[in-house]
Amino acid sequence: MNTQSVEAVVAQALGLPLAQVNDDSGPQSLPTWDSVTHLDILLSVEVEFGIKFTADEMITLLSVSAIKAALRDKGVTV
């Protein structure tokens, strides 16, 4: 069950204020979003929303909006 927004999960994983994270946020706009934190973000999203991403999905989820779209594809309301 999701109690947090995708933005909140990303902000927490990156150690950023929630106000700095939006749908367009990704590695290009947030310097702390690197390959290691990318995995941390996606693992945190999996736990928070009770889903699993494939390795192929993980390489494409490079923004908050892409993560939200993938969650919706898995039937999660975000």
PDB file of N, CA and C in Angstrom:
ATOM      1  N   MET A   1       0.850  -1.191   0.000  1.00  0.00           N
ATOM      2  CA  MET A   1       0.000   0.000   0.000  1.00  0.00           C
ATOM      3  C   MET A   1       0.886   1.241   0.000  1.00  0.00           C
ATOM      4  N   ASN A   2       0.597   2.136  -0.894  1.00  0.00           N
ATOM      5  CA  ASN A   2       1.417   3.336  -0.984  1.00  0.00           C
ATOM      6  C   ASN A   2       0.900   4.421  -0.042  1.00  0.00           C
ATOM      7  N   THR A   3       1.814   4.868   0.808  1.00  0.00           N
ATOM      8  CA  THR A   3       1.482   5.955   1.726  1.00  0.00           C
ATOM      9  C   THR A   3       2.192   7.239   1.323  1.00  0.00           C
ATOM     10  N   GLN A   4       3.159   7.120   0.424  1.00  0.00           N
ATOM     11  CA  GLN A   4       3.911   8.279  -0.028  1.00  0.00           C
ATOM     12  C   GLN A   4       3.722   8.465  -1.526  1.00  0.00           C
ATOM     13  N   SER A   5       4.017   9.654  -1.990  1.00  0.00           N
ATOM     14  CA  SER A   5       4.012   9.908  -3.428  1.00  0.00           C
ATOM     15  C   SER A   5       5.344   9.455  -4.010  1.00  0.00           C
ATOM     16  N   VAL A   6       5.381   9.293  -5.318  1.00  0.00           N
ATOM     17  CA  VAL A   6       6.638   8.965  -5.986  1.00  0.00           C
ATOM     18  C   VAL A   6       7.657  10.062  -5.704  1.00  0.00           C
ATOM     19  N   GLU A   7       7.214  11.309  -5.742  1.00  0.00           N
ATOM     20  CA  GLU A   7       8.115  12.428  -5.460  1.00  0.00           C
ATOM     21  C   GLU A   7       8.733  12.299  -4.070  1.00  0.00           C
ATOM     22  N   ALA A   8       7.929  11.911  -3.086  1.00  0.00           N
ATOM     23  CA  ALA A   8       8.432  11.768  -1.717  1.00  0.00           C
ATOM     24  C   ALA A   8       9.453  10.643  -1.611  1.00  0.00           C
ATOM     25  N   VAL A   9       9.204   9.539  -2.305  1.00  0.00           N
ATOM     26  CA  VAL A   9      10.152   8.421  -2.295  1.00  0.00           C
ATOM     27  C   VAL A   9      11.472   8.854  -2.923  1.00  0.00           C
ATOM     28  N   VAL A  10      11.405   9.553  -4.045  1.00  0.00           N
ATOM     29  CA  VAL A  10      12.615  10.027  -4.724  1.00  0.00           C
ATOM     30  C   VAL A  10      13.357  11.025  -3.835  1.00  0.00           C
ATOM     31  N   ALA A  11      12.639  11.974  -3.275  1.00  0.00           N
ATOM     32  CA  ALA A  11      13.276  12.981  -2.412  1.00  0.00           C
ATOM     33  C   ALA A  11      13.977  12.311  -1.232  1.00  0.00           C
ATOM     34  N   GLN A  12      13.326  11.348  -0.630  1.00  0.00           N
ATOM     35  CA  GLN A  12      13.921  10.653   0.514  1.00  0.00           C
ATOM     36  C   GLN A  12      15.170   9.886   0.090  1.00  0.00           C
ATOM     37  N   ALA A  13      15.105   9.178  -1.021  1.00  0.00           N
ATOM     38  CA  ALA A  13      16.253   8.402  -1.491  1.00  0.00           C
ATOM     39  C   ALA A  13      17.446   9.294  -1.829  1.00  0.00           C
ATOM     40  N   LEU A  14      17.163  10.506  -2.309  1.00  0.00           N
ATOM     41  CA  LEU A  14      18.230  11.427  -2.700  1.00  0.00           C
ATOM     42  C   LEU A  14      18.622  12.397  -1.587  1.00  0.00           C
ATOM     43  N   GLY A  15      17.909  12.359  -0.478  1.00  0.00           N
ATOM     44  CA  GLY A  15      18.203  13.279   0.618  1.00  0.00           C
ATOM     45  C   GLY A  15      17.914  14.726   0.272  1.00  0.00           C
ATOM     46  N   LEU A  16      16.833  14.930  -0.491  1.00  0.00           N
ATOM     47  CA  LEU A  16      16.464  16.276  -0.940  1.00  0.00           C
ATOM     48  C   LEU A  16      15.128  16.696  -0.339  1.00  0.00           C
ATOM     49  N   PRO A  17      14.875  18.001  -0.241  1.00  0.00           N
ATOM     50  CA  PRO A  17      13.547  18.460   0.154  1.00  0.00           C
ATOM     51  C   PRO A  17      12.531  18.067  -0.919  1.00  0.00           C
ATOM     52  N   LEU A  18      11.342  17.717  -0.496  1.00  0.00           N
ATOM     53  CA  LEU A  18      10.289  17.313  -1.421  1.00  0.00           C
ATOM     54  C   LEU A  18      10.033  18.373  -2.484  1.00  0.00           C
ATOM     55  N   ALA A  19      10.154  19.639  -2.121  1.00  0.00           N
ATOM     56  CA  ALA A  19       9.893  20.741  -3.053  1.00  0.00           C
ATOM     57  C   ALA A  19      10.833  20.746  -4.258  1.00  0.00           C
ATOM     58  N   GLN A  20      11.962  20.051  -4.168  1.00  0.00           N
ATOM     59  CA  GLN A  20      12.920  20.026  -5.279  1.00  0.00           C
ATOM     60  C   GLN A  20      12.614  18.931  -6.300  1.00  0.00           C
ATOM     61  N   VAL A  21      11.614  18.093  -6.028  1.00  0.00           N
ATOM     62  CA  VAL A  21      11.322  16.950  -6.899  1.00  0.00           C
ATOM     63  C   VAL A  21       9.962  17.136  -7.558  1.00  0.00           C
ATOM     64  N   ASN A  22       9.918  16.976  -8.890  1.00  0.00           N
ATOM     65  CA  ASN A  22       8.660  17.070  -9.628  1.00  0.00           C
ATOM     66  C   ASN A  22       8.659  16.044 -10.759  1.00  0.00           C
ATOM     67  N   ASP A  23       7.632  16.050 -11.584  1.00  0.00           N
ATOM     68  CA  ASP A  23       7.507  15.059 -12.658  1.00  0.00           C
ATOM     69  C   ASP A  23       8.699  15.053 -13.612  1.00  0.00           C
ATOM     70  N   ASP A  24       9.316  16.195 -13.819  1.00  0.00           N
ATOM     71  CA  ASP A  24      10.441  16.292 -14.756  1.00  0.00           C
ATOM     72  C   ASP A  24      11.780  15.903 -14.133  1.00  0.00           C
ATOM     73  N   SER A  25      11.799  15.658 -12.829  1.00  0.00           N
ATOM     74  CA  SER A  25      13.052  15.343 -12.147  1.00  0.00           C
ATOM     75  C   SER A  25      13.634  14.026 -12.631  1.00  0.00           C
ATOM     76  N   GLY A  26      14.954  14.030 -12.795  1.00  0.00           N
ATOM     77  CA  GLY A  26      15.691  12.853 -13.222  1.00  0.00           C
ATOM     78  C   GLY A  26      17.179  13.116 -13.083  1.00  0.00           C
ATOM     79  N   PRO A  27      18.003  12.224 -13.593  1.00  0.00           N
ATOM     80  CA  PRO A  27      19.455  12.395 -13.464  1.00  0.00           C
ATOM     81  C   PRO A  27      19.979  13.693 -14.083  1.00  0.00           C
ATOM     82  N   GLN A  28      19.316  14.188 -15.129  1.00  0.00           N
ATOM     83  CA  GLN A  28      19.792  15.420 -15.765  1.00  0.00           C
ATOM     84  C   GLN A  28      19.530  16.658 -14.907  1.00  0.00           C
ATOM     85  N   SER A  29      18.476  16.620 -14.106  1.00  0.00           N
ATOM     86  CA  SER A  29      18.133  17.806 -13.314  1.00  0.00           C
ATOM     87  C   SER A  29      18.543  17.694 -11.844  1.00  0.00           C
ATOM     88  N   LEU A  30      18.815  16.482 -11.399  1.00  0.00           N
ATOM     89  CA  LEU A  30      19.209  16.276 -10.005  1.00  0.00           C
ATOM     90  C   LEU A  30      20.567  15.575  -9.975  1.00  0.00           C
ATOM     91  N   PRO A  31      21.628  16.309  -9.723  1.00  0.00           N
ATOM     92  CA  PRO A  31      22.981  15.738  -9.765  1.00  0.00           C
ATOM     93  C   PRO A  31      23.195  14.553  -8.818  1.00  0.00           C
ATOM     94  N   THR A  32      22.432  14.483  -7.739  1.00  0.00           N
ATOM     95  CA  THR A  32      22.603  13.357  -6.809  1.00  0.00           C
ATOM     96  C   THR A  32      21.947  12.075  -7.325  1.00  0.00           C
ATOM     97  N   TRP A  33      21.181  12.158  -8.421  1.00  0.00           N
ATOM     98  CA  TRP A  33      20.541  10.981  -9.021  1.00  0.00           C
ATOM     99  C   TRP A  33      21.564  10.347  -9.967  1.00  0.00           C
ATOM    100  N   ASP A  34      22.378   9.449  -9.414  1.00  0.00           N
ATOM    101  CA  ASP A  34      23.371   8.743 -10.224  1.00  0.00           C
ATOM    102  C   ASP A  34      22.977   7.274 -10.309  1.00  0.00           C
ATOM    103  N   SER A  35      23.857   6.429 -10.834  1.00  0.00           N
ATOM    104  CA  SER A  35      23.504   5.023 -11.051  1.00  0.00           C
ATOM    105  C   SER A  35      23.211   4.290  -9.744  1.00  0.00           C
ATOM    106  N   VAL A  36      23.920   4.621  -8.700  1.00  0.00           N
ATOM    107  CA  VAL A  36      23.694   3.963  -7.409  1.00  0.00           C
ATOM    108  C   VAL A  36      22.376   4.422  -6.802  1.00  0.00           C
ATOM    109  N   THR A  37      22.138   5.721  -6.784  1.00  0.00           N
ATOM    110  CA  THR A  37      20.885   6.213  -6.211  1.00  0.00           C
ATOM    111  C   THR A  37      19.695   5.836  -7.089  1.00  0.00           C
ATOM    112  N   HIS A  38      19.928   5.645  -8.388  1.00  0.00           N
ATOM    113  CA  HIS A  38      18.854   5.189  -9.279  1.00  0.00           C
ATOM    114  C   HIS A  38      18.309   3.850  -8.785  1.00  0.00           C
ATOM    115  N   LEU A  39      19.205   2.934  -8.472  1.00  0.00           N
ATOM    116  CA  LEU A  39      18.774   1.633  -7.953  1.00  0.00           C
ATOM    117  C   LEU A  39      18.066   1.790  -6.616  1.00  0.00           C
ATOM    118  N   ASP A  40      18.588   2.648  -5.755  1.00  0.00           N
ATOM    119  CA  ASP A  40      17.961   2.885  -4.459  1.00  0.00           C
ATOM    120  C   ASP A  40      16.555   3.449  -4.633  1.00  0.00           C
ATOM    121  N   ILE A  41      16.394   4.383  -5.558  1.00  0.00           N
ATOM    122  CA  ILE A  41      15.076   4.968  -5.838  1.00  0.00           C
ATOM    123  C   ILE A  41      14.105   3.880  -6.278  1.00  0.00           C
ATOM    124  N   LEU A  42      14.517   3.087  -7.259  1.00  0.00           N
ATOM    125  CA  LEU A  42      13.599   2.084  -7.803  1.00  0.00           C
ATOM    126  C   LEU A  42      13.278   0.984  -6.798  1.00  0.00           C
ATOM    127  N   LEU A  43      14.256   0.575  -6.003  1.00  0.00           N
ATOM    128  CA  LEU A  43      13.981  -0.419  -4.960  1.00  0.00           C
ATOM    129  C   LEU A  43      13.026   0.150  -3.915  1.00  0.00           C
ATOM    130  N   SER A  44      13.203   1.410  -3.582  1.00  0.00           N
ATOM    131  CA  SER A  44      12.298   2.064  -2.628  1.00  0.00           C
ATOM    132  C   SER A  44      10.884   2.168  -3.196  1.00  0.00           C
ATOM    133  N   VAL A  45      10.775   2.483  -4.485  1.00  0.00           N
ATOM    134  CA  VAL A  45       9.461   2.544  -5.139  1.00  0.00           C
ATOM    135  C   VAL A  45       8.814   1.159  -5.131  1.00  0.00           C
ATOM    136  N   GLU A  46       9.594   0.120  -5.414  1.00  0.00           N
ATOM    137  CA  GLU A  46       9.051  -1.243  -5.388  1.00  0.00           C
ATOM    138  C   GLU A  46       8.471  -1.587  -4.021  1.00  0.00           C
ATOM    139  N   VAL A  47       9.208  -1.271  -2.975  1.00  0.00           N
ATOM    140  CA  VAL A  47       8.743  -1.558  -1.615  1.00  0.00           C
ATOM    141  C   VAL A  47       7.505  -0.729  -1.283  1.00  0.00           C
ATOM    142  N   GLU A  48       7.567   0.555  -1.562  1.00  0.00           N
ATOM    143  CA  GLU A  48       6.472   1.463  -1.215  1.00  0.00           C
ATOM    144  C   GLU A  48       5.173   1.110  -1.926  1.00  0.00           C
ATOM    145  N   PHE A  49       5.265   0.713  -3.194  1.00  0.00           N
ATOM    146  CA  PHE A  49       4.063   0.480  -3.985  1.00  0.00           C
ATOM    147  C   PHE A  49       3.748  -1.000  -4.197  1.00  0.00           C
ATOM    148  N   GLY A  50       4.563  -1.896  -3.622  1.00  0.00           N
ATOM    149  CA  GLY A  50       4.280  -3.320  -3.671  1.00  0.00           C
ATOM    150  C   GLY A  50       4.328  -3.928  -5.062  1.00  0.00           C
ATOM    151  N   ILE A  51       5.292  -3.475  -5.871  1.00  0.00           N
ATOM    152  CA  ILE A  51       5.433  -3.982  -7.242  1.00  0.00           C
ATOM    153  C   ILE A  51       6.890  -4.384  -7.462  1.00  0.00           C
ATOM    154  N   LYS A  52       7.157  -4.960  -8.616  1.00  0.00           N
ATOM    155  CA  LYS A  52       8.524  -5.292  -9.024  1.00  0.00           C
ATOM    156  C   LYS A  52       8.747  -4.790 -10.433  1.00  0.00           C
ATOM    157  N   PHE A  53       9.909  -4.181 -10.662  1.00  0.00           N
ATOM    158  CA  PHE A  53      10.314  -3.769 -11.991  1.00  0.00           C
ATOM    159  C   PHE A  53      11.269  -4.813 -12.558  1.00  0.00           C
ATOM    160  N   THR A  54      11.214  -5.021 -13.862  1.00  0.00           N
ATOM    161  CA  THR A  54      12.203  -5.872 -14.517  1.00  0.00           C
ATOM    162  C   THR A  54      13.474  -5.054 -14.723  1.00  0.00           C
ATOM    163  N   ALA A  55      14.564  -5.741 -15.010  1.00  0.00           N
ATOM    164  CA  ALA A  55      15.822  -5.042 -15.290  1.00  0.00           C
ATOM    165  C   ALA A  55      15.668  -4.138 -16.510  1.00  0.00           C
ATOM    166  N   ASP A  56      14.933  -4.612 -17.523  1.00  0.00           N
ATOM    167  CA  ASP A  56      14.708  -3.789 -18.716  1.00  0.00           C
ATOM    168  C   ASP A  56      13.921  -2.526 -18.386  1.00  0.00           C
ATOM    169  N   GLU A  57      12.932  -2.649 -17.502  1.00  0.00           N
ATOM    170  CA  GLU A  57      12.173  -1.461 -17.097  1.00  0.00           C
ATOM    171  C   GLU A  57      13.067  -0.490 -16.348  1.00  0.00           C
ATOM    172  N   MET A  58      13.895  -1.017 -15.461  1.00  0.00           N
ATOM    173  CA  MET A  58      14.725  -0.150 -14.625  1.00  0.00           C
ATOM    174  C   MET A  58      15.620   0.774 -15.430  1.00  0.00           C
ATOM    175  N   ILE A  59      16.115   0.295 -16.559  1.00  0.00           N
ATOM    176  CA  ILE A  59      17.017   1.154 -17.335  1.00  0.00           C
ATOM    177  C   ILE A  59      16.280   2.286 -18.041  1.00  0.00           C
ATOM    178  N   THR A  60      14.979   2.171 -18.166  1.00  0.00           N
ATOM    179  CA  THR A  60      14.225   3.213 -18.875  1.00  0.00           C
ATOM    180  C   THR A  60      13.564   4.211 -17.933  1.00  0.00           C
ATOM    181  N   LEU A  61      13.535   3.929 -16.656  1.00  0.00           N
ATOM    182  CA  LEU A  61      12.802   4.773 -15.698  1.00  0.00           C
ATOM    183  C   LEU A  61      13.690   5.898 -15.177  1.00  0.00           C
ATOM    184  N   LEU A  62      13.931   6.870 -16.037  1.00  0.00           N
ATOM    185  CA  LEU A  62      14.885   7.929 -15.732  1.00  0.00           C
ATOM    186  C   LEU A  62      14.245   9.272 -15.413  1.00  0.00           C
ATOM    187  N   SER A  63      13.018   9.247 -14.937  1.00  0.00           N
ATOM    188  CA  SER A  63      12.369  10.472 -14.464  1.00  0.00           C
ATOM    189  C   SER A  63      11.210  10.071 -13.562  1.00  0.00           C
ATOM    190  N   VAL A  64      10.773  11.014 -12.780  1.00  0.00           N
ATOM    191  CA  VAL A  64       9.618  10.766 -11.914  1.00  0.00           C
ATOM    192  C   VAL A  64       8.402  10.429 -12.774  1.00  0.00           C
ATOM    193  N   SER A  65       8.208  11.134 -13.868  1.00  0.00           N
ATOM    194  CA  SER A  65       7.045  10.858 -14.725  1.00  0.00           C
ATOM    195  C   SER A  65       7.121   9.461 -15.338  1.00  0.00           C
ATOM    196  N   ALA A  66       8.308   8.997 -15.701  1.00  0.00           N
ATOM    197  CA  ALA A  66       8.457   7.638 -16.250  1.00  0.00           C
ATOM    198  C   ALA A  66       8.148   6.588 -15.184  1.00  0.00           C
ATOM    199  N   ILE A  67       8.570   6.843 -13.960  1.00  0.00           N
ATOM    200  CA  ILE A  67       8.272   5.912 -12.861  1.00  0.00           C
ATOM    201  C   ILE A  67       6.761   5.856 -12.630  1.00  0.00           C
ATOM    202  N   LYS A  68       6.117   7.019 -12.637  1.00  0.00           N
ATOM    203  CA  LYS A  68       4.659   7.053 -12.460  1.00  0.00           C
ATOM    204  C   LYS A  68       3.947   6.289 -13.569  1.00  0.00           C
ATOM    205  N   ALA A  69       4.402   6.461 -14.813  1.00  0.00           N
ATOM    206  CA  ALA A  69       3.782   5.756 -15.940  1.00  0.00           C
ATOM    207  C   ALA A  69       3.934   4.250 -15.782  1.00  0.00           C
ATOM    208  N   ALA A  70       5.110   3.804 -15.345  1.00  0.00           N
ATOM    209  CA  ALA A  70       5.346   2.370 -15.138  1.00  0.00           C
ATOM    210  C   ALA A  70       4.450   1.837 -14.016  1.00  0.00           C
ATOM    211  N   LEU A  71       4.273   2.620 -12.974  1.00  0.00           N
ATOM    212  CA  LEU A  71       3.383   2.209 -11.885  1.00  0.00           C
ATOM    213  C   LEU A  71       1.938   2.086 -12.389  1.00  0.00           C
ATOM    214  N   ARG A  72       1.498   3.061 -13.169  1.00  0.00           N
ATOM    215  CA  ARG A  72       0.141   2.998 -13.722  1.00  0.00           C
ATOM    216  C   ARG A  72      -0.016   1.765 -14.610  1.00  0.00           C
ATOM    217  N   ASP A  73       1.013   1.426 -15.393  1.00  0.00           N
ATOM    218  CA  ASP A  73       0.982   0.231 -16.241  1.00  0.00           C
ATOM    219  C   ASP A  73       0.830  -1.045 -15.413  1.00  0.00           C
ATOM    220  N   LYS A  74       1.281  -0.987 -14.157  1.00  0.00           N
ATOM    221  CA  LYS A  74       1.170  -2.131 -13.262  1.00  0.00           C
ATOM    222  C   LYS A  74      -0.098  -2.078 -12.403  1.00  0.00           C
ATOM    223  N   GLY A  75      -0.975  -1.108 -12.711  1.00  0.00           N
ATOM    224  CA  GLY A  75      -2.246  -1.018 -12.017  1.00  0.00           C
ATOM    225  C   GLY A  75      -2.236  -0.242 -10.725  1.00  0.00           C
ATOM    226  N   VAL A  76      -1.152   0.505 -10.482  1.00  0.00           N
ATOM    227  CA  VAL A  76      -1.043   1.300  -9.256  1.00  0.00           C
ATOM    228  C   VAL A  76      -1.583   2.699  -9.537  1.00  0.00           C
ATOM    229  N   THR A  77      -2.409   3.201  -8.651  1.00  0.00           N
ATOM    230  CA  THR A  77      -2.916   4.567  -8.760  1.00  0.00           C
ATOM    231  C   THR A  77      -1.900   5.516  -8.149  1.00  0.00           C
ATOM    232  N   VAL A  78      -1.418   6.451  -8.969  1.00  0.00           N
ATOM    233  CA  VAL A  78      -0.459   7.458  -8.464  1.00  0.00           C
ATOM    234  C   VAL A  78      -0.928   8.846  -8.821  1.00  0.00           C
TER     235      VAL A  78
END
